[in-house]
PDB file of N, CA and C in Angstrom:
ATOM      1  N   MET A   1      40.950  84.464 159.825  1.00  0.00           N
ATOM      2  CA  MET A   1      41.008  84.845 158.746  1.00  0.00           C
ATOM      3  C   MET A   1      40.349  84.060 158.008  1.00  0.00           C
ATOM      4  N   VAL A   2      39.646  84.047 156.851  1.00  0.00           N
ATOM      5  CA  VAL A   2      38.552  83.003 156.116  1.00  0.00           C
ATOM      6  C   VAL A   2      39.447  83.521 155.035  1.00  0.00           C
ATOM      7  N   ARG A   3      40.452  81.919 154.412  1.00  0.00           N
ATOM      8  CA  ARG A   3      40.952  81.929 153.358  1.00  0.00           C
ATOM      9  C   ARG A   3      39.888  80.695 152.334  1.00  0.00           C
ATOM     10  N   LYS A   4      39.507  81.084 151.026  1.00  0.00           N
ATOM     11  CA  LYS A   4      38.819  80.442 150.473  1.00  0.00           C
ATOM     12  C   LYS A   4      39.681  80.599 148.973  1.00  0.00           C
ATOM     13  N   ARG A   5      39.615  79.474 148.003  1.00  0.00           N
ATOM     14  CA  ARG A   5      39.950  79.759 146.776  1.00  0.00           C
ATOM     15  C   ARG A   5      39.208  79.408 145.955  1.00  0.00           C
ATOM     16  N   THR A   6      38.762  80.923 144.953  1.00  0.00           N
ATOM     17  CA  THR A   6      37.813  81.076 143.902  1.00  0.00           C
ATOM     18  C   THR A   6      37.897  81.204 142.839  1.00  0.00           C
ATOM     19  N   SER A   7      37.208  81.307 142.069  1.00  0.00           N
ATOM     20  CA  SER A   7      37.565  81.783 140.186  1.00  0.00           C
ATOM     21  C   SER A   7      38.516  82.507 140.222  1.00  0.00           C
ATOM     22  N   CYS A   8      38.284  83.623 141.040  1.00  0.00           N
ATOM     23  CA  CYS A   8      39.366  84.974 141.072  1.00  0.00           C
ATOM     24  C   CYS A   8      39.744  84.523 141.439  1.00  0.00           C
ATOM     25  N   GLY A   9      40.353  84.346 142.730  1.00  0.00           N
ATOM     26  CA  GLY A   9      41.526  83.660 143.606  1.00  0.00           C
ATOM     27  C   GLY A   9      40.870  83.868 144.803  1.00  0.00           C
ATOM     28  N   THR A  10      42.511  83.808 145.872  1.00  0.00           N
ATOM     29  CA  THR A  10      41.973  83.877 147.382  1.00  0.00           C
ATOM     30  C   THR A  10      41.341  85.032 147.809  1.00  0.00           C
ATOM     31  N   THR A  11      40.733  84.693 148.714  1.00  0.00           N
ATOM     32  CA  THR A  11      39.810  86.180 149.090  1.00  0.00           C
ATOM     33  C   THR A  11      40.451  86.481 150.605  1.00  0.00           C
ATOM     34  N   GLY A  12      41.190  85.716 151.222  1.00  0.00           N
ATOM     35  CA  GLY A  12      42.229  86.294 152.083  1.00  0.00           C
ATOM     36  C   GLY A  12      40.946  86.496 153.746  1.00  0.00           C
ATOM     37  N   GLN A  13      41.178  87.732 153.963  1.00  0.00           N
ATOM     38  CA  GLN A  13      40.138  88.165 154.886  1.00  0.00           C
ATOM     39  C   GLN A  13      38.793  88.454 154.761  1.00  0.00           C
ATOM     40  N   TYR A  14      38.724  88.810 153.343  1.00  0.00           N
ATOM     41  CA  TYR A  14      37.513  89.244 152.689  1.00  0.00           C
ATOM     42  C   TYR A  14      36.580  87.932 152.466  1.00  0.00           C
ATOM     43  N   LYS A  15      34.968  88.201 152.485  1.00  0.00           N
ATOM     44  CA  LYS A  15      34.263  86.783 151.910  1.00  0.00           C
ATOM     45  C   LYS A  15      33.401  86.906 150.948  1.00  0.00           C
ATOM     46  N   TRP A  16      34.093  88.091 149.824  1.00  0.00           N
ATOM     47  CA  TRP A  16      33.734  87.823 148.201  1.00  0.00           C
ATOM     48  C   TRP A  16      35.152  87.769 147.549  1.00  0.00           C
ATOM     49  N   PRO A  17      34.910  87.255 146.084  1.00  0.00           N
ATOM     50  CA  PRO A  17      35.892  87.066 145.392  1.00  0.00           C
ATOM     51  C   PRO A  17      36.541  88.450 145.273  1.00  0.00           C
ATOM     52  N   VAL A  18      38.287  88.449 145.201  1.00  0.00           N
ATOM     53  CA  VAL A  18      39.175  89.039 144.915  1.00  0.00           C
ATOM     54  C   VAL A  18      39.354  88.943 143.483  1.00  0.00           C
ATOM     55  N   PRO A  19      39.078  89.973 142.614  1.00  0.00           N
ATOM     56  CA  PRO A  19      39.355  89.791 141.184  1.00  0.00           C
ATOM     57  C   PRO A  19      40.973  89.755 140.770  1.00  0.00           C
ATOM     58  N   THR A  20      41.446  88.634 139.970  1.00  0.00           N
ATOM     59  CA  THR A  20      42.898  88.391 139.683  1.00  0.00           C
ATOM     60  C   THR A  20      42.900  89.257 138.310  1.00  0.00           C
ATOM     61  N   LEU A  21      43.892  90.027 137.903  1.00  0.00           N
ATOM     62  CA  LEU A  21      44.340  90.553 136.826  1.00  0.00           C
ATOM     63  C   LEU A  21      45.516  90.211 136.068  1.00  0.00           C
ATOM     64  N   LEU A  22      46.341  89.173 136.900  1.00  0.00           N
ATOM     65  CA  LEU A  22      47.449  88.870 136.182  1.00  0.00           C
ATOM     66  C   LEU A  22      48.062  88.149 137.064  1.00  0.00           C
ATOM     67  N   VAL A  23      48.647  86.560 136.517  1.00  0.00           N
ATOM     68  CA  VAL A  23      49.357  85.744 136.996  1.00  0.00           C
ATOM     69  C   VAL A  23      50.453  85.628 136.022  1.00  0.00           C
ATOM     70  N   ILE A  24      51.499  85.665 136.309  1.00  0.00           N
ATOM     71  CA  ILE A  24      53.122  85.897 135.735  1.00  0.00           C
ATOM     72  C   ILE A  24      54.251  85.418 137.003  1.00  0.00           C
ATOM     73  N   ASP A  25      55.134  84.594 136.272  1.00  0.00           N
ATOM     74  CA  ASP A  25      56.200  84.154 137.088  1.00  0.00           C
ATOM     75  C   ASP A  25      55.807  83.927 138.903  1.00  0.00           C
ATOM     76  N   GLY A  26      54.622  83.851 139.011  1.00  0.00           N
ATOM     77  CA  GLY A  26      54.195  82.822 140.357  1.00  0.00           C
ATOM     78  C   GLY A  26      53.703  83.965 141.159  1.00  0.00           C
ATOM     79  N   PHE A  27      53.840  85.712 140.452  1.00  0.00           N
ATOM     80  CA  PHE A  27      53.119  86.578 141.192  1.00  0.00           C
ATOM     81  C   PHE A  27      51.455  87.027 140.888  1.00  0.00           C
ATOM     82  N   ARG A  28      50.587  87.091 141.888  1.00  0.00           N
ATOM     83  CA  ARG A  28      49.223  87.316 141.171  1.00  0.00           C
ATOM     84  C   ARG A  28      48.840  88.766 141.631  1.00  0.00           C
ATOM     85  N   PHE A  29      48.565  89.267 140.296  1.00  0.00           N
ATOM     86  CA  PHE A  29      48.170  91.094 140.641  1.00  0.00           C
ATOM     87  C   PHE A  29      46.461  90.764 140.662  1.00  0.00           C
ATOM     88  N   TYR A  30      46.121  91.710 141.737  1.00  0.00           N
ATOM     89  CA  TYR A  30      44.844  91.708 142.377  1.00  0.00           C
ATOM     90  C   TYR A  30      44.735  93.036 142.577  1.00  0.00           C
ATOM     91  N   PHE A  31      43.014  92.811 142.708  1.00  0.00           N
ATOM     92  CA  PHE A  31      42.489  94.654 143.658  1.00  0.00           C
ATOM     93  C   PHE A  31      41.135  94.282 144.066  1.00  0.00           C
ATOM     94  N   PHE A  32      41.072  95.139 145.050  1.00  0.00           N
ATOM     95  CA  PHE A  32      39.899  95.062 145.865  1.00  0.00           C
ATOM     96  C   PHE A  32      39.206  96.239 145.358  1.00  0.00           C
ATOM     97  N   SER A  33      37.697  95.931 144.802  1.00  0.00           N
ATOM     98  CA  SER A  33      37.037  96.836 144.594  1.00  0.00           C
ATOM     99  C   SER A  33      36.213  98.094 145.098  1.00  0.00           C
ATOM    100  N   ASP A  34      36.437  98.024 146.368  1.00  0.00           N
ATOM    101  CA  ASP A  34      35.972  99.310 147.405  1.00  0.00           C
ATOM    102  C   ASP A  34      36.871  99.877 148.141  1.00  0.00           C
ATOM    103  N   GLU A  35      38.234  99.941 147.206  1.00  0.00           N
ATOM    104  CA  GLU A  35      38.883 100.821 147.395  1.00  0.00           C
ATOM    105  C   GLU A  35      39.260 102.404 146.847  1.00  0.00           C
ATOM    106  N   ARG A  36      38.116 103.292 147.160  1.00  0.00           N
ATOM    107  CA  ARG A  36      37.872 104.249 146.084  1.00  0.00           C
ATOM    108  C   ARG A  36      38.721 105.490 146.539  1.00  0.00           C
ATOM    109  N   GLN A  37      38.657 105.146 148.008  1.00  0.00           N
ATOM    110  CA  GLN A  37      39.472 106.438 148.569  1.00  0.00           C
ATOM    111  C   GLN A  37      40.984 106.340 148.230  1.00  0.00           C
ATOM    112  N   GLU A  38      41.497 105.687 147.841  1.00  0.00           N
ATOM    113  CA  GLU A  38      43.056 105.236 147.429  1.00  0.00           C
ATOM    114  C   GLU A  38      43.472 105.551 145.877  1.00  0.00           C
ATOM    115  N   PRO A  39      44.381 106.199 145.327  1.00  0.00           N
ATOM    116  CA  PRO A  39      44.710 106.108 144.300  1.00  0.00           C
ATOM    117  C   PRO A  39      45.043 105.008 143.381  1.00  0.00           C
ATOM    118  N   PRO A  40      44.724 104.784 142.449  1.00  0.00           N
ATOM    119  CA  PRO A  40      44.921 103.337 141.482  1.00  0.00           C
ATOM    120  C   PRO A  40      45.710 103.147 141.997  1.00  0.00           C
ATOM    121  N   HIS A  41      45.791 101.350 142.192  1.00  0.00           N
ATOM    122  CA  HIS A  41      46.839 100.607 142.442  1.00  0.00           C
ATOM    123  C   HIS A  41      46.619  99.440 142.258  1.00  0.00           C
ATOM    124  N   VAL A  42      47.496  98.347 142.553  1.00  0.00           N
ATOM    125  CA  VAL A  42      47.118  96.927 142.511  1.00  0.00           C
ATOM    126  C   VAL A  42      48.170  96.179 143.788  1.00  0.00           C
ATOM    127  N   HIS A  43      47.781  95.209 144.199  1.00  0.00           N
ATOM    128  CA  HIS A  43      48.097  94.265 145.139  1.00  0.00           C
ATOM    129  C   HIS A  43      48.801  93.371 144.617  1.00  0.00           C
ATOM    130  N   VAL A  44      50.022  92.672 145.229  1.00  0.00           N
ATOM    131  CA  VAL A  44      50.603  91.159 144.646  1.00  0.00           C
ATOM    132  C   VAL A  44      51.019  90.490 145.679  1.00  0.00           C
ATOM    133  N   ARG A  45      50.697  89.157 145.528  1.00  0.00           N
ATOM    134  CA  ARG A  45      50.701  88.105 146.028  1.00  0.00           C
ATOM    135  C   ARG A  45      52.065  86.957 145.928  1.00  0.00           C
ATOM    136  N   LYS A  46      52.855  86.375 146.308  1.00  0.00           N
ATOM    137  CA  LYS A  46      53.012  85.366 145.851  1.00  0.00           C
ATOM    138  C   LYS A  46      53.573  84.503 147.292  1.00  0.00           C
ATOM    139  N   GLY A  47      52.697  83.498 147.689  1.00  0.00           N
ATOM    140  CA  GLY A  47      53.142  82.557 148.627  1.00  0.00           C
ATOM    141  C   GLY A  47      52.615  83.681 149.530  1.00  0.00           C
ATOM    142  N   ASP A  48      53.571  83.459 150.847  1.00  0.00           N
ATOM    143  CA  ASP A  48      52.638  84.647 152.205  1.00  0.00           C
ATOM    144  C   ASP A  48      53.185  85.641 151.999  1.00  0.00           C
ATOM    145  N   SER A  49      53.794  86.107 150.666  1.00  0.00           N
ATOM    146  CA  SER A  49      54.657  87.652 150.618  1.00  0.00           C
ATOM    147  C   SER A  49      53.386  88.716 149.640  1.00  0.00           C
ATOM    148  N   VAL A  50      53.529  89.952 150.318  1.00  0.00           N
ATOM    149  CA  VAL A  50      52.782  90.339 149.191  1.00  0.00           C
ATOM    150  C   VAL A  50      52.997  91.857 149.257  1.00  0.00           C
ATOM    151  N   ALA A  51      52.765  92.708 148.399  1.00  0.00           N
ATOM    152  CA  ALA A  51      52.952  94.235 148.052  1.00  0.00           C
ATOM    153  C   ALA A  51      51.907  94.651 147.131  1.00  0.00           C
ATOM    154  N   LYS A  52      52.135  96.202 147.960  1.00  0.00           N
ATOM    155  CA  LYS A  52      50.799  97.181 147.093  1.00  0.00           C
ATOM    156  C   LYS A  52      52.146  98.435 146.230  1.00  0.00           C
ATOM    157  N   LEU A  53      51.157  98.585 144.973  1.00  0.00           N
ATOM    158  CA  LEU A  53      51.711  99.463 143.878  1.00  0.00           C
ATOM    159  C   LEU A  53      50.882 100.540 143.852  1.00  0.00           C
ATOM    160  N   TRP A  54      50.970 101.773 143.430  1.00  0.00           N
ATOM    161  CA  TRP A  54      50.544 102.915 143.478  1.00  0.00           C
ATOM    162  C   TRP A  54      50.308 102.953 141.675  1.00  0.00           C
ATOM    163  N   LEU A  55      49.629 103.557 140.693  1.00  0.00           N
ATOM    164  CA  LEU A  55      50.106 103.074 139.513  1.00  0.00           C
ATOM    165  C   LEU A  55      50.548 103.827 138.291  1.00  0.00           C
ATOM    166  N   HIS A  56      50.047 105.565 138.901  1.00  0.00           N
ATOM    167  CA  HIS A  56      50.145 106.611 138.084  1.00  0.00           C
ATOM    168  C   HIS A  56      50.568 107.781 139.391  1.00  0.00           C
ATOM    169  N   PRO A  57      52.048 107.996 139.459  1.00  0.00           N
ATOM    170  CA  PRO A  57      52.943 106.961 138.956  1.00  0.00           C
ATOM    171  C   PRO A  57      53.685 105.526 139.227  1.00  0.00           C
ATOM    172  N   VAL A  58      53.790 104.772 139.120  1.00  0.00           N
ATOM    173  CA  VAL A  58      54.438 103.688 139.211  1.00  0.00           C
ATOM    174  C   VAL A  58      55.217 103.642 140.827  1.00  0.00           C
ATOM    175  N   ASP A  59      54.511 103.313 141.662  1.00  0.00           N
ATOM    176  CA  ASP A  59      55.383 103.439 143.152  1.00  0.00           C
ATOM    177  C   ASP A  59      54.969 102.197 144.518  1.00  0.00           C
ATOM    178  N   LEU A  60      55.885 101.883 144.670  1.00  0.00           N
ATOM    179  CA  LEU A  60      56.053 100.235 146.095  1.00  0.00           C
ATOM    180  C   LEU A  60      55.588 101.328 147.385  1.00  0.00           C
ATOM    181  N   VAL A  61      54.255 100.705 147.746  1.00  0.00           N
ATOM    182  CA  VAL A  61      53.649 101.539 148.609  1.00  0.00           C
ATOM    183  C   VAL A  61      53.918 100.664 149.949  1.00  0.00           C
ATOM    184  N   PHE A  62      53.905  99.249 150.118  1.00  0.00           N
ATOM    185  CA  PHE A  62      54.336  98.540 150.748  1.00  0.00           C
ATOM    186  C   PHE A  62      54.783  97.173 150.317  1.00  0.00           C
ATOM    187  N   ALA A  63      56.008  96.182 151.229  1.00  0.00           N
ATOM    188  CA  ALA A  63      55.883  95.196 150.922  1.00  0.00           C
ATOM    189  C   ALA A  63      56.435  94.369 152.090  1.00  0.00           C
ATOM    190  N   SER A  64      56.032  92.980 151.608  1.00  0.00           N
ATOM    191  CA  SER A  64      56.524  92.266 152.963  1.00  0.00           C
ATOM    192  C   SER A  64      56.951  91.152 152.365  1.00  0.00           C
ATOM    193  N   GLY A  65      58.084  90.284 152.624  1.00  0.00           N
ATOM    194  CA  GLY A  65      58.418  88.894 152.423  1.00  0.00           C
ATOM    195  C   GLY A  65      59.111  89.100 150.977  1.00  0.00           C
ATOM    196  N   PHE A  66      58.856  89.672 150.495  1.00  0.00           N
ATOM    197  CA  PHE A  66      59.500  89.955 148.767  1.00  0.00           C
ATOM    198  C   PHE A  66      61.244  90.235 149.092  1.00  0.00           C
ATOM    199  N   ASN A  67      61.804  89.693 148.441  1.00  0.00           N
ATOM    200  CA  ASN A  67      63.458  90.343 148.381  1.00  0.00           C
ATOM    201  C   ASN A  67      63.488  90.961 147.281  1.00  0.00           C
ATOM    202  N   ARG A  68      64.775  91.984 146.887  1.00  0.00           N
ATOM    203  CA  ARG A  68      64.980  92.846 146.174  1.00  0.00           C
ATOM    204  C   ARG A  68      64.823  92.671 145.129  1.00  0.00           C
ATOM    205  N   SER A  69      65.364  91.755 144.204  1.00  0.00           N
ATOM    206  CA  SER A  69      64.730  91.422 143.145  1.00  0.00           C
ATOM    207  C   SER A  69      63.792  90.731 142.829  1.00  0.00           C
ATOM    208  N   GLU A  70      63.060  90.496 143.377  1.00  0.00           N
ATOM    209  CA  GLU A  70      61.439  89.977 143.507  1.00  0.00           C
ATOM    210  C   GLU A  70      61.014  91.285 143.305  1.00  0.00           C
ATOM    211  N   ILE A  71      61.071  92.281 144.586  1.00  0.00           N
ATOM    212  CA  ILE A  71      60.304  93.829 144.390  1.00  0.00           C
ATOM    213  C   ILE A  71      60.767  94.256 142.986  1.00  0.00           C
ATOM    214  N   ARG A  72      61.972  94.327 142.301  1.00  0.00           N
ATOM    215  CA  ARG A  72      62.459  94.675 141.090  1.00  0.00           C
ATOM    216  C   ARG A  72      61.440  94.003 139.888  1.00  0.00           C
ATOM    217  N   ARG A  73      61.267  92.961 140.103  1.00  0.00           N
ATOM    218  CA  ARG A  73      60.494  92.343 138.892  1.00  0.00           C
ATOM    219  C   ARG A  73      58.998  92.785 138.966  1.00  0.00           C
ATOM    220  N   ILE A  74      58.497  93.018 140.675  1.00  0.00           N
ATOM    221  CA  ILE A  74      57.270  93.270 140.070  1.00  0.00           C
ATOM    222  C   ILE A  74      57.023  94.830 139.778  1.00  0.00           C
ATOM    223  N   ARG A  75      57.911  95.434 140.367  1.00  0.00           N
ATOM    224  CA  ARG A  75      57.851  96.836 139.640  1.00  0.00           C
ATOM    225  C   ARG A  75      58.183  96.887 138.181  1.00  0.00           C
ATOM    226  N   GLU A  76      58.812  96.121 137.302  1.00  0.00           N
ATOM    227  CA  GLU A  76      58.622  96.006 136.074  1.00  0.00           C
ATOM    228  C   GLU A  76      57.572  95.295 135.501  1.00  0.00           C
ATOM    229  N   LEU A  77      57.127  94.391 136.097  1.00  0.00           N
ATOM    230  CA  LEU A  77      55.896  93.906 135.242  1.00  0.00           C
ATOM    231  C   LEU A  77      54.407  94.956 135.483  1.00  0.00           C
ATOM    232  N   THR A  78      54.580  95.541 136.602  1.00  0.00           N
ATOM    233  CA  THR A  78      53.575  96.706 136.802  1.00  0.00           C
ATOM    234  C   THR A  78      53.676  97.499 135.871  1.00  0.00           C
ATOM    235  N   LEU A  79      54.813  98.148 135.643  1.00  0.00           N
ATOM    236  CA  LEU A  79      55.338  98.986 134.262  1.00  0.00           C
ATOM    237  C   LEU A  79      54.842  98.728 133.195  1.00  0.00           C
ATOM    238  N   GLU A  80      55.115  97.157 132.895  1.00  0.00           N
ATOM    239  CA  GLU A  80      54.794  96.618 131.730  1.00  0.00           C
ATOM    240  C   GLU A  80      53.411  96.481 131.392  1.00  0.00           C
ATOM    241  N   TYR A  81      52.663  96.152 132.305  1.00  0.00           N
ATOM    242  CA  TYR A  81      51.211  95.707 131.918  1.00  0.00           C
ATOM    243  C   TYR A  81      50.086  96.435 132.854  1.00  0.00           C
ATOM    244  N   PHE A  82      50.325  97.501 133.560  1.00  0.00           N
ATOM    245  CA  PHE A  82      49.520  98.367 134.267  1.00  0.00           C
ATOM    246  C   PHE A  82      49.493  99.858 134.177  1.00  0.00           C
ATOM    247  N   SER A  83      50.888 100.289 134.019  1.00  0.00           N
ATOM    248  CA  SER A  83      50.891 101.855 134.067  1.00  0.00           C
ATOM    249  C   SER A  83      50.214 103.004 132.806  1.00  0.00           C
ATOM    250  N   HIS A  84      50.310 102.111 131.925  1.00  0.00           N
ATOM    251  CA  HIS A  84      49.393 102.788 130.826  1.00  0.00           C
ATOM    252  C   HIS A  84      48.110 102.794 130.911  1.00  0.00           C
ATOM    253  N   GLN A  85      47.593 102.170 132.061  1.00  0.00           N
ATOM    254  CA  GLN A  85      45.975 102.313 132.280  1.00  0.00           C
ATOM    255  C   GLN A  85      45.481 103.375 132.889  1.00  0.00           C
ATOM    256  N   GLN A  86      44.706 104.506 132.376  1.00  0.00           N
ATOM    257  CA  GLN A  86      43.976 105.754 133.307  1.00  0.00           C
ATOM    258  C   GLN A  86      43.121 105.064 134.092  1.00  0.00           C
TER     259      GLN A  86
END
């Protein structure tokens, strides 16, 4: 796996920058520009924990490593910052 810090964020297994939308409370919200076949969504990372949420309506797709209170906070932040965007 290639990991590289860029001005857009950590690229993980991809070799191109991953745009960061928001960093708050240690959570990094980001997206991959090549996921056109899926409904609008955001990815979230904090340390080694990751999650993915649909935006319309806001719904948790998956989460790994986050506890219940962190998932609740991620959902709140997603509703506040992203649910109004179509």
